[in-house]
Amino acid sequence: MDRHRSTISRDIKRGPEQRKKNSLASLPYQATSVGNMARIRKKNCGTTTKTTVHNTKTIMKYLEMKYSPEQIANAVRSVKVYTSTIYTWIYKKIVPIDIKRLRGHGKRQLKISN
């Protein structure tokens, strides 16, 4: 099979507990069906985006009220994203607002370190 024995044993052990009736995994062990299930699991893994309708509408509302992205990120409790994320969404047009309408006209403030 050209795979390490522990890989094969983990693959076989994973199968019976997760098998449900009337599914592709209910069949006896076959390498092709296991490969298909692995591809499906791989497609579902990874990070999720915080771009939700609620977040974008709330950010738009506060930007229209002349709040800066810094103020939104630090003061609005319902929006749990960082300032850089808000700026990224503005630059990528996920939050549809013109950069010139921002309070600082899109210029980020430099952090002064001592």
C-alpha atoms as a PDB file:
ATOM      1  CA  MET A   1       0.000   0.000   0.000  1.00  0.00           C
ATOM      2  CA  ASP A   2       3.057   2.245   0.227  1.00  0.00           C
ATOM      3  CA  ARG A   3       1.927   3.807   3.547  1.00  0.00           C
ATOM      4  CA  HIS A   4       3.251   3.465   7.064  1.00  0.00           C
ATOM      5  CA  ARG A   5       1.502   0.813   9.139  1.00  0.00           C
ATOM      6  CA  SER A   6       0.393   3.325  11.783  1.00  0.00           C
ATOM      7  CA  THR A   7      -1.327   5.397   9.094  1.00  0.00           C
ATOM      8  CA  ILE A   8      -3.279   2.365   7.912  1.00  0.00           C
ATOM      9  CA  SER A   9      -4.193   1.268  11.445  1.00  0.00           C
ATOM     10  CA  ARG A  10      -5.426   4.786  12.344  1.00  0.00           C
ATOM     11  CA  ASP A  11      -7.436   4.837   9.147  1.00  0.00           C
ATOM     12  CA  ILE A  12      -9.105   1.515   9.943  1.00  0.00           C
ATOM     13  CA  LYS A  13      -9.732   2.487  13.588  1.00  0.00           C
ATOM     14  CA  ARG A  14     -11.330   5.764  12.564  1.00  0.00           C
ATOM     15  CA  GLY A  15     -13.827   4.063  10.302  1.00  0.00           C
ATOM     16  CA  PRO A  16     -16.163   1.962  12.496  1.00  0.00           C
ATOM     17  CA  GLU A  17     -16.912   4.616  15.162  1.00  0.00           C
ATOM     18  CA  GLN A  18     -17.812   7.253  12.642  1.00  0.00           C
ATOM     19  CA  ARG A  19     -19.788   5.066  10.264  1.00  0.00           C
ATOM     20  CA  LYS A  20     -23.465   5.765   9.989  1.00  0.00           C
ATOM     21  CA  LYS A  21     -26.165   3.813   8.228  1.00  0.00           C
ATOM     22  CA  ASN A  22     -27.024   4.841   4.689  1.00  0.00           C
ATOM     23  CA  SER A  23     -23.790   6.741   4.179  1.00  0.00           C
ATOM     24  CA  LEU A  24     -20.738   6.233   2.027  1.00  0.00           C
ATOM     25  CA  ALA A  25     -18.757   5.262   5.125  1.00  0.00           C
ATOM     26  CA  SER A  26     -21.105   2.394   6.037  1.00  0.00           C
ATOM     27  CA  LEU A  27     -19.460   0.196   3.415  1.00  0.00           C
ATOM     28  CA  PRO A  28     -16.586  -2.128   4.336  1.00  0.00           C
ATOM     29  CA  TYR A  29     -13.099  -0.603   4.253  1.00  0.00           C
ATOM     30  CA  GLN A  30     -12.032   0.499   0.807  1.00  0.00           C
ATOM     31  CA  ALA A  31      -9.134   2.803   0.150  1.00  0.00           C
ATOM     32  CA  THR A  32     -11.056   4.859  -2.407  1.00  0.00           C
ATOM     33  CA  SER A  33     -13.985   5.562  -0.074  1.00  0.00           C
ATOM     34  CA  VAL A  34     -11.591   6.438   2.747  1.00  0.00           C
ATOM     35  CA  GLY A  35      -9.749   8.802   0.404  1.00  0.00           C
ATOM     36  CA  ASN A  36     -13.015  10.461  -0.567  1.00  0.00           C
ATOM     37  CA  MET A  37     -13.983  10.913   3.079  1.00  0.00           C
ATOM     38  CA  ALA A  38     -10.535  12.378   3.805  1.00  0.00           C
ATOM     39  CA  ARG A  39     -10.977  14.911   0.996  1.00  0.00           C
ATOM     40  CA  ILE A  40     -14.385  15.908   2.373  1.00  0.00           C
ATOM     41  CA  ARG A  41     -12.941  16.382   5.878  1.00  0.00           C
ATOM     42  CA  LYS A  42     -10.004  18.356   4.472  1.00  0.00           C
ATOM     43  CA  LYS A  43     -12.358  20.707   2.627  1.00  0.00           C
ATOM     44  CA  ASN A  44     -14.191  21.512   5.882  1.00  0.00           C
ATOM     45  CA  CYS A  45     -11.085  22.299   7.937  1.00  0.00           C
ATOM     46  CA  GLY A  46      -9.373  25.645   8.271  1.00  0.00           C
ATOM     47  CA  THR A  47     -10.189  29.027   9.702  1.00  0.00           C
ATOM     48  CA  THR A  48     -13.552  30.640   9.365  1.00  0.00           C
ATOM     49  CA  THR A  49     -14.039  34.217   8.343  1.00  0.00           C
ATOM     50  CA  LYS A  50     -15.389  36.861  10.670  1.00  0.00           C
ATOM     51  CA  THR A  51     -16.999  38.654   7.762  1.00  0.00           C
ATOM     52  CA  THR A  52     -20.653  38.395   8.679  1.00  0.00           C
ATOM     53  CA  VAL A  53     -23.625  40.497   7.704  1.00  0.00           C
ATOM     54  CA  HIS A  54     -23.896  41.691  11.307  1.00  0.00           C
ATOM     55  CA  ASN A  55     -20.244  42.770  11.463  1.00  0.00           C
ATOM     56  CA  THR A  56     -20.260  44.599   8.137  1.00  0.00           C
ATOM     57  CA  LYS A  57     -23.554  46.397   8.859  1.00  0.00           C
ATOM     58  CA  THR A  58     -22.408  47.422  12.322  1.00  0.00           C
ATOM     59  CA  ILE A  59     -19.060  48.670  11.041  1.00  0.00           C
ATOM     60  CA  MET A  60     -20.797  50.598   8.250  1.00  0.00           C
ATOM     61  CA  LYS A  61     -23.200  52.182  10.734  1.00  0.00           C
ATOM     62  CA  TYR A  62     -20.387  53.432  12.950  1.00  0.00           C
ATOM     63  CA  LEU A  63     -18.267  54.576  10.008  1.00  0.00           C
ATOM     64  CA  GLU A  64     -21.238  56.615   8.769  1.00  0.00           C
ATOM     65  CA  MET A  65     -21.388  58.191  12.254  1.00  0.00           C
ATOM     66  CA  LYS A  66     -17.735  59.267  11.732  1.00  0.00           C
ATOM     67  CA  TYR A  67     -16.189  56.718  14.112  1.00  0.00           C
ATOM     68  CA  SER A  68     -12.660  55.666  13.225  1.00  0.00           C
ATOM     69  CA  PRO A  69     -11.807  51.970  12.759  1.00  0.00           C
ATOM     70  CA  GLU A  70      -9.752  52.212  15.960  1.00  0.00           C
ATOM     71  CA  GLN A  71     -12.780  53.429  17.896  1.00  0.00           C
ATOM     72  CA  ILE A  72     -14.984  50.710  16.429  1.00  0.00           C
ATOM     73  CA  ALA A  73     -12.524  47.931  17.235  1.00  0.00           C
ATOM     74  CA  ASN A  74     -11.961  49.108  20.804  1.00  0.00           C
ATOM     75  CA  ALA A  75     -15.365  50.456  21.861  1.00  0.00           C
ATOM     76  CA  VAL A  76     -18.088  48.516  20.048  1.00  0.00           C
ATOM     77  CA  ARG A  77     -18.635  45.284  21.953  1.00  0.00           C
ATOM     78  CA  SER A  78     -20.694  43.523  19.278  1.00  0.00           C
ATOM     79  CA  VAL A  79     -17.844  43.742  16.748  1.00  0.00           C
ATOM     80  CA  LYS A  80     -15.001  41.473  17.800  1.00  0.00           C
ATOM     81  CA  VAL A  81     -12.342  42.244  15.210  1.00  0.00           C
ATOM     82  CA  TYR A  82      -9.071  44.135  15.280  1.00  0.00           C
ATOM     83  CA  THR A  83      -8.431  47.547  13.762  1.00  0.00           C
ATOM     84  CA  SER A  84      -6.226  46.076  11.044  1.00  0.00           C
ATOM     85  CA  THR A  85      -9.046  43.712  10.045  1.00  0.00           C
ATOM     86  CA  ILE A  86     -11.440  46.642   9.604  1.00  0.00           C
ATOM     87  CA  TYR A  87      -8.890  48.496   7.475  1.00  0.00           C
ATOM     88  CA  THR A  88      -8.303  45.362   5.392  1.00  0.00           C
ATOM     89  CA  TRP A  89     -12.050  44.982   4.808  1.00  0.00           C
ATOM     90  CA  ILE A  90     -12.257  48.645   3.756  1.00  0.00           C
ATOM     91  CA  TYR A  91      -9.333  48.316   1.323  1.00  0.00           C
ATOM     92  CA  LYS A  92     -10.742  45.079  -0.135  1.00  0.00           C
ATOM     93  CA  LYS A  93     -14.197  46.701  -0.456  1.00  0.00           C
ATOM     94  CA  ILE A  94     -15.855  44.150   1.849  1.00  0.00           C
ATOM     95  CA  VAL A  95     -17.097  47.143   3.836  1.00  0.00           C
ATOM     96  CA  PRO A  96     -18.316  49.472   1.068  1.00  0.00           C
ATOM     97  CA  ILE A  97     -17.081  52.897   2.111  1.00  0.00           C
ATOM     98  CA  ASP A  98     -14.776  55.361   0.399  1.00  0.00           C
ATOM     99  CA  ILE A  99     -11.431  55.700   2.153  1.00  0.00           C
ATOM    100  CA  LYS A 100     -11.605  59.498   1.863  1.00  0.00           C
ATOM    101  CA  ARG A 101     -14.759  59.485   4.011  1.00  0.00           C
ATOM    102  CA  LEU A 102     -12.864  57.972   6.946  1.00  0.00           C
ATOM    103  CA  ARG A 103     -12.024  60.185   9.854  1.00  0.00           C
ATOM    104  CA  GLY A 104      -8.277  60.034   9.197  1.00  0.00           C
ATOM    105  CA  HIS A 105      -8.774  59.715   5.420  1.00  0.00           C
ATOM    106  CA  GLY A 106      -7.349  56.169   5.481  1.00  0.00           C
ATOM    107  CA  LYS A 107      -4.036  57.105   7.071  1.00  0.00           C
ATOM    108  CA  ARG A 108      -3.046  54.791   9.865  1.00  0.00           C
ATOM    109  CA  GLN A 109      -1.446  56.314  12.926  1.00  0.00           C
ATOM    110  CA  LEU A 110       2.126  55.293  13.715  1.00  0.00           C
ATOM    111  CA  LYS A 111       2.689  53.648  17.074  1.00  0.00           C
ATOM    112  CA  ILE A 112       5.258  55.562  19.070  1.00  0.00           C
ATOM    113  CA  SER A 113       7.452  53.315  21.187  1.00  0.00           C
ATOM    114  CA  ASN A 114       9.586  54.573  24.035  1.00  0.00           C
END
